[in-house]
Amino acid sequence: MLTVESLGGFERLTRSWSRHLRAENKSPRTLETYGEAVGQFVNHVGREGIVEVGGVEVAHIESFIADLLAVYSPATANNRFRLRERF
């Protein structure tokens, strides 16, 4: 399984983003939920052969959302999608 640490640039950005969220005093549950979403996204793009942050394109994000909608409610998919605005 791919992890944030195994993909170029994702680890640094994830640490920075997590630090930002903690500085905003987000709840532990929010941090956990957002972290899970980032992990899902990293796994998704990794399966598509993306190993660097710079390789992520809009089509990868759209594919991720489509996959979420196939499994989760629209509200959950929307929660994961909103992460792209924050990450």
Protein backbone atom coordinates (compact mmCIF):
# COMPACT_ATOMS: atom_id res chain seq x y z
CA MET A 1 0.00 0.00 0.00
CA LEU A 2 1.25 3.46 -0.84
CA THR A 3 1.68 5.98 1.91
CA VAL A 4 2.23 9.70 2.05
CA GLU A 5 5.86 8.99 2.92
CA SER A 6 6.42 6.90 -0.21
CA LEU A 7 5.38 9.58 -2.70
CA GLY A 8 7.60 12.52 -3.58
CA GLY A 9 6.52 15.83 -2.12
CA PHE A 10 3.31 14.56 -0.55
CA GLU A 11 4.94 13.97 2.82
CA ARG A 12 6.31 17.52 3.12
CA LEU A 13 3.01 19.08 2.04
CA THR A 14 0.99 16.85 4.35
CA ARG A 15 3.16 17.73 7.35
CA SER A 16 2.88 21.44 6.56
CA TRP A 17 -0.86 21.22 6.07
CA SER A 18 -1.32 19.24 9.30
CA ARG A 19 0.71 21.85 11.19
CA HIS A 20 -1.49 24.58 9.69
CA LEU A 21 -4.67 22.79 10.78
CA ARG A 22 -3.31 22.34 14.31
CA ALA A 23 -2.44 26.06 14.39
CA GLU A 24 -6.07 26.77 13.48
CA ASN A 25 -7.00 24.68 16.54
CA LYS A 26 -8.95 22.09 14.54
CA SER A 27 -10.41 19.29 16.64
CA PRO A 28 -8.63 15.94 16.85
CA ARG A 29 -11.54 14.35 14.96
CA THR A 30 -11.22 16.90 12.16
CA LEU A 31 -7.49 16.21 11.91
CA GLU A 32 -8.22 12.48 11.78
CA THR A 33 -10.92 12.85 9.11
CA TYR A 34 -8.80 15.11 6.93
CA GLY A 35 -5.81 12.81 7.37
CA GLU A 36 -7.87 9.83 6.23
CA ALA A 37 -8.99 11.75 3.16
CA VAL A 38 -5.42 12.68 2.25
CA GLY A 39 -4.40 9.05 2.64
CA GLN A 40 -7.22 7.96 0.35
CA PHE A 41 -6.19 10.52 -2.24
CA VAL A 42 -2.51 9.55 -2.09
CA ASN A 43 -3.45 5.90 -2.55
CA HIS A 44 -5.73 6.81 -5.46
CA VAL A 45 -3.14 8.81 -7.39
CA GLY A 46 -0.50 6.22 -6.57
CA ARG A 47 -2.61 3.53 -8.23
CA GLU A 48 -2.76 5.80 -11.26
CA GLY A 49 1.02 5.96 -11.37
CA ILE A 50 1.46 9.43 -9.88
CA VAL A 51 4.52 9.56 -7.65
CA GLU A 52 5.14 13.32 -7.48
CA VAL A 53 2.81 16.09 -6.34
CA GLY A 54 3.48 17.95 -9.58
CA GLY A 55 2.01 15.05 -11.55
CA VAL A 56 -1.47 15.49 -10.11
CA GLU A 57 -3.93 16.89 -12.64
CA VAL A 58 -7.59 17.90 -12.43
CA ALA A 59 -8.53 14.57 -14.06
CA HIS A 60 -6.97 12.71 -11.11
CA ILE A 61 -9.04 14.71 -8.64
CA GLU A 62 -12.20 14.14 -10.67
CA SER A 63 -11.46 10.42 -10.83
CA PHE A 64 -10.95 10.37 -7.06
CA ILE A 65 -14.31 12.07 -6.49
CA ALA A 66 -16.07 9.68 -8.89
CA ASP A 67 -14.60 6.72 -7.01
CA LEU A 68 -15.75 8.19 -3.68
CA LEU A 69 -19.27 8.72 -5.00
CA ALA A 70 -19.41 5.07 -6.03
CA VAL A 71 -18.89 4.06 -2.39
CA TYR A 72 -19.85 6.94 -0.12
CA SER A 73 -22.68 9.41 0.24
CA PRO A 74 -22.47 12.71 -1.64
CA ALA A 75 -21.84 14.48 1.68
CA THR A 76 -18.78 12.32 2.40
CA ALA A 77 -17.48 12.72 -1.15
CA ASN A 78 -17.95 16.49 -0.82
CA ASN A 79 -16.00 16.47 2.44
CA ARG A 80 -13.09 14.76 0.69
CA PHE A 81 -13.34 17.04 -2.32
CA ARG A 82 -13.17 20.18 -0.20
CA LEU A 83 -9.74 19.04 0.92
CA ARG A 84 -8.26 20.01 -2.43
CA GLU A 85 -9.04 23.64 -1.55
CA ARG A 86 -7.11 23.31 1.71
CA PHE A 87 -4.22 21.03 0.77
